[in-house]
């Protein structure tokens, strides 16, 4: 579960065993975890993160989209 980016309480990471899912990023917080698809950017799953933090995370995903896509492709050998 490599960490790609850490911003404040948000840790952006991947899991190595996720089959054939589209490009995405997991974000862990002290309150829970969510997953965002990267193409197009949209929430895929949320467990325990408040709506205002989901909006903050979504904004960070957009701001770092090129890096997240690059790291996803690198990690998954695409």
N, C-alpha and C. Protein backbone atom coordinates (compact mmCIF):
# COMPACT_ATOMS: atom_id res chain seq x y z
N UNK A 1 0.85 -1.18 0.00
CA UNK A 1 0.00 0.00 0.00
C UNK A 1 0.90 1.25 0.00
N UNK A 2 1.49 1.55 -1.14
CA UNK A 2 2.40 2.69 -1.20
C UNK A 2 1.68 4.03 -1.10
N UNK A 3 2.25 4.91 -0.31
CA UNK A 3 1.75 6.27 -0.18
C UNK A 3 2.31 7.09 -1.33
N UNK A 4 1.43 7.78 -2.04
CA UNK A 4 1.82 8.59 -3.18
C UNK A 4 1.96 10.05 -2.78
N UNK A 5 1.12 10.49 -1.84
CA UNK A 5 1.06 11.89 -1.48
C UNK A 5 0.47 12.00 -0.08
N UNK A 6 0.96 12.95 0.69
CA UNK A 6 0.38 13.22 2.02
C UNK A 6 0.20 14.73 2.13
N UNK A 7 -1.04 15.14 2.37
CA UNK A 7 -1.36 16.55 2.53
C UNK A 7 -2.21 16.68 3.78
N UNK A 8 -1.65 17.32 4.81
CA UNK A 8 -2.35 17.44 6.08
C UNK A 8 -2.72 16.06 6.59
N UNK A 9 -3.99 15.86 6.96
CA UNK A 9 -4.41 14.56 7.49
C UNK A 9 -4.76 13.54 6.41
N UNK A 10 -4.56 13.89 5.13
CA UNK A 10 -4.97 13.03 4.02
C UNK A 10 -3.77 12.28 3.44
N UNK A 11 -3.88 10.95 3.42
CA UNK A 11 -2.83 10.11 2.83
C UNK A 11 -3.38 9.44 1.59
N UNK A 12 -2.80 9.76 0.44
CA UNK A 12 -3.22 9.23 -0.86
C UNK A 12 -2.38 8.00 -1.15
N UNK A 13 -3.05 6.88 -1.44
CA UNK A 13 -2.33 5.62 -1.63
C UNK A 13 -3.07 4.67 -2.56
N UNK A 14 -2.38 3.59 -2.94
CA UNK A 14 -2.94 2.52 -3.75
C UNK A 14 -2.88 1.21 -2.99
N UNK A 15 -3.72 0.28 -3.39
CA UNK A 15 -3.61 -1.11 -2.94
C UNK A 15 -3.09 -1.92 -4.12
N UNK A 16 -2.30 -2.93 -3.85
CA UNK A 16 -1.68 -3.68 -4.94
C UNK A 16 -2.59 -4.75 -5.54
N UNK A 17 -3.64 -5.15 -4.85
CA UNK A 17 -4.46 -6.28 -5.29
C UNK A 17 -5.89 -5.83 -5.58
N UNK A 18 -6.07 -5.10 -6.69
CA UNK A 18 -7.41 -4.58 -6.96
C UNK A 18 -7.96 -4.98 -8.33
N UNK A 19 -7.39 -5.98 -8.92
CA UNK A 19 -7.95 -6.49 -10.16
C UNK A 19 -7.88 -5.52 -11.30
N UNK A 20 -8.96 -5.46 -12.06
CA UNK A 20 -8.99 -4.66 -13.28
C UNK A 20 -9.82 -3.39 -13.14
N UNK A 21 -9.75 -2.75 -12.01
CA UNK A 21 -10.50 -1.52 -11.82
C UNK A 21 -9.89 -0.38 -12.62
N UNK A 22 -10.72 0.61 -12.97
CA UNK A 22 -10.19 1.80 -13.65
C UNK A 22 -9.22 2.55 -12.72
N UNK A 23 -8.42 3.47 -13.27
CA UNK A 23 -7.49 4.25 -12.45
C UNK A 23 -8.21 4.96 -11.30
N UNK A 24 -7.63 4.86 -10.10
CA UNK A 24 -8.25 5.44 -8.93
C UNK A 24 -7.20 5.68 -7.84
N UNK A 25 -7.62 6.40 -6.81
CA UNK A 25 -6.76 6.68 -5.66
C UNK A 25 -7.58 6.47 -4.38
N UNK A 26 -6.95 5.91 -3.37
CA UNK A 26 -7.56 5.79 -2.06
C UNK A 26 -7.02 6.92 -1.20
N UNK A 27 -7.85 7.44 -0.32
CA UNK A 27 -7.42 8.50 0.59
C UNK A 27 -7.84 8.11 1.99
N UNK A 28 -6.85 7.97 2.86
CA UNK A 28 -7.10 7.63 4.27
C UNK A 28 -7.03 8.90 5.11
N UNK A 29 -7.93 8.98 6.08
CA UNK A 29 -7.96 10.09 7.04
C UNK A 29 -8.10 9.47 8.42
N UNK A 30 -7.97 10.27 9.47
CA UNK A 30 -8.22 9.72 10.80
C UNK A 30 -9.65 9.22 11.00
N UNK A 31 -10.58 9.69 10.16
CA UNK A 31 -12.00 9.33 10.31
C UNK A 31 -12.44 8.17 9.43
N UNK A 32 -11.68 7.85 8.39
CA UNK A 32 -12.11 6.80 7.48
C UNK A 32 -11.30 6.79 6.21
N UNK A 33 -11.90 6.26 5.16
CA UNK A 33 -11.21 6.16 3.87
C UNK A 33 -12.21 6.33 2.74
N UNK A 34 -11.73 6.92 1.65
CA UNK A 34 -12.56 7.04 0.45
C UNK A 34 -11.73 6.65 -0.76
N UNK A 35 -12.43 6.48 -1.88
CA UNK A 35 -11.76 6.15 -3.13
C UNK A 35 -12.35 7.05 -4.20
N UNK A 36 -11.45 7.60 -5.04
CA UNK A 36 -11.87 8.44 -6.15
C UNK A 36 -11.38 7.82 -7.45
N UNK A 37 -12.29 7.72 -8.43
CA UNK A 37 -11.88 7.38 -9.79
C UNK A 37 -11.11 8.57 -10.32
N UNK A 38 -10.15 8.32 -11.20
CA UNK A 38 -9.33 9.41 -11.74
C UNK A 38 -9.73 9.81 -13.16
N UNK A 39 -10.52 8.99 -13.86
CA UNK A 39 -10.89 9.28 -15.25
C UNK A 39 -12.34 8.91 -15.50
N UNK A 40 -13.29 9.79 -15.37
CA UNK A 40 -13.18 11.15 -14.85
C UNK A 40 -13.14 11.12 -13.32
N UNK A 41 -12.74 12.23 -12.74
CA UNK A 41 -12.66 12.31 -11.28
C UNK A 41 -14.06 12.31 -10.71
N UNK A 42 -14.30 11.33 -9.83
CA UNK A 42 -15.58 11.25 -9.11
C UNK A 42 -15.41 10.27 -7.95
N UNK A 43 -16.24 10.45 -6.96
CA UNK A 43 -16.18 9.60 -5.77
C UNK A 43 -16.64 8.19 -6.14
N UNK A 44 -15.89 7.21 -5.69
CA UNK A 44 -16.26 5.82 -5.93
C UNK A 44 -16.81 5.17 -4.67
N UNK A 45 -16.25 5.56 -3.52
CA UNK A 45 -16.67 4.95 -2.25
C UNK A 45 -16.25 5.86 -1.10
N UNK A 46 -17.03 5.85 -0.05
CA UNK A 46 -16.71 6.61 1.15
C UNK A 46 -17.09 5.80 2.38
N UNK A 47 -16.15 5.73 3.32
CA UNK A 47 -16.42 5.07 4.59
C UNK A 47 -15.99 6.00 5.72
N UNK A 48 -16.94 6.77 6.24
CA UNK A 48 -16.71 7.55 7.45
C UNK A 48 -16.19 8.96 7.30
N UNK A 49 -15.99 9.44 6.09
CA UNK A 49 -15.46 10.79 5.91
C UNK A 49 -16.62 11.77 5.72
N UNK A 50 -16.58 12.86 6.48
CA UNK A 50 -17.64 13.87 6.43
C UNK A 50 -17.66 14.57 5.07
N UNK A 51 -18.85 15.02 4.63
CA UNK A 51 -18.98 15.67 3.31
C UNK A 51 -18.01 16.83 3.09
N UNK A 52 -17.78 17.67 4.11
CA UNK A 52 -16.88 18.81 3.89
C UNK A 52 -15.44 18.34 3.63
N UNK A 53 -15.02 17.23 4.24
CA UNK A 53 -13.69 16.70 3.96
C UNK A 53 -13.64 16.00 2.61
N UNK A 54 -14.74 15.39 2.19
CA UNK A 54 -14.79 14.80 0.85
C UNK A 54 -14.60 15.88 -0.21
N UNK A 55 -15.21 17.04 0.00
CA UNK A 55 -15.03 18.14 -0.96
C UNK A 55 -13.58 18.61 -0.98
N UNK A 56 -12.96 18.69 0.19
CA UNK A 56 -11.54 19.07 0.26
C UNK A 56 -10.67 18.06 -0.47
N UNK A 57 -10.94 16.79 -0.25
CA UNK A 57 -10.17 15.73 -0.90
C UNK A 57 -10.37 15.78 -2.41
N UNK A 58 -11.61 15.95 -2.84
CA UNK A 58 -11.87 16.03 -4.28
C UNK A 58 -11.07 17.17 -4.91
N UNK A 59 -11.04 18.31 -4.25
CA UNK A 59 -10.27 19.45 -4.74
C UNK A 59 -8.79 19.09 -4.84
N UNK A 60 -8.26 18.39 -3.83
CA UNK A 60 -6.86 17.97 -3.86
C UNK A 60 -6.58 16.96 -4.97
N UNK A 61 -7.55 16.09 -5.23
CA UNK A 61 -7.41 15.13 -6.33
C UNK A 61 -7.27 15.91 -7.65
N UNK A 62 -8.15 16.89 -7.86
CA UNK A 62 -8.07 17.68 -9.09
C UNK A 62 -6.75 18.44 -9.17
N UNK A 63 -6.30 19.02 -8.07
CA UNK A 63 -5.06 19.79 -8.06
C UNK A 63 -3.83 18.92 -8.33
N UNK A 64 -3.89 17.65 -7.99
CA UNK A 64 -2.75 16.75 -8.13
C UNK A 64 -3.01 15.63 -9.14
N UNK A 65 -3.95 15.84 -10.02
CA UNK A 65 -4.41 14.79 -10.92
C UNK A 65 -3.29 14.21 -11.78
N UNK A 66 -2.46 15.05 -12.36
CA UNK A 66 -1.39 14.55 -13.22
C UNK A 66 -0.44 13.65 -12.43
N UNK A 67 -0.05 14.06 -11.25
CA UNK A 67 0.83 13.25 -10.41
C UNK A 67 0.17 11.93 -10.04
N UNK A 68 -1.10 11.97 -9.65
CA UNK A 68 -1.81 10.76 -9.24
C UNK A 68 -1.94 9.77 -10.40
N UNK A 69 -2.26 10.27 -11.58
CA UNK A 69 -2.34 9.41 -12.77
C UNK A 69 -0.98 8.79 -13.08
N UNK A 70 0.06 9.63 -13.04
CA UNK A 70 1.41 9.14 -13.31
C UNK A 70 1.82 8.04 -12.34
N UNK A 71 1.57 8.27 -11.05
CA UNK A 71 1.94 7.28 -10.03
C UNK A 71 1.10 6.01 -10.16
N UNK A 72 -0.17 6.17 -10.49
CA UNK A 72 -1.03 4.99 -10.69
C UNK A 72 -0.49 4.14 -11.83
N UNK A 73 -0.19 4.77 -12.95
CA UNK A 73 0.32 4.04 -14.12
C UNK A 73 1.67 3.39 -13.82
N UNK A 74 2.51 4.11 -13.11
CA UNK A 74 3.82 3.58 -12.71
C UNK A 74 3.67 2.36 -11.81
N UNK A 75 2.83 2.48 -10.81
CA UNK A 75 2.63 1.41 -9.84
C UNK A 75 2.04 0.16 -10.48
N UNK A 76 1.10 0.37 -11.41
CA UNK A 76 0.41 -0.76 -12.04
C UNK A 76 1.03 -1.15 -13.38
N UNK A 77 2.20 -0.63 -13.67
CA UNK A 77 2.93 -0.96 -14.90
C UNK A 77 2.12 -0.76 -16.16
N UNK A 78 1.46 0.39 -16.25
CA UNK A 78 0.64 0.71 -17.45
C UNK A 78 1.38 1.63 -18.37
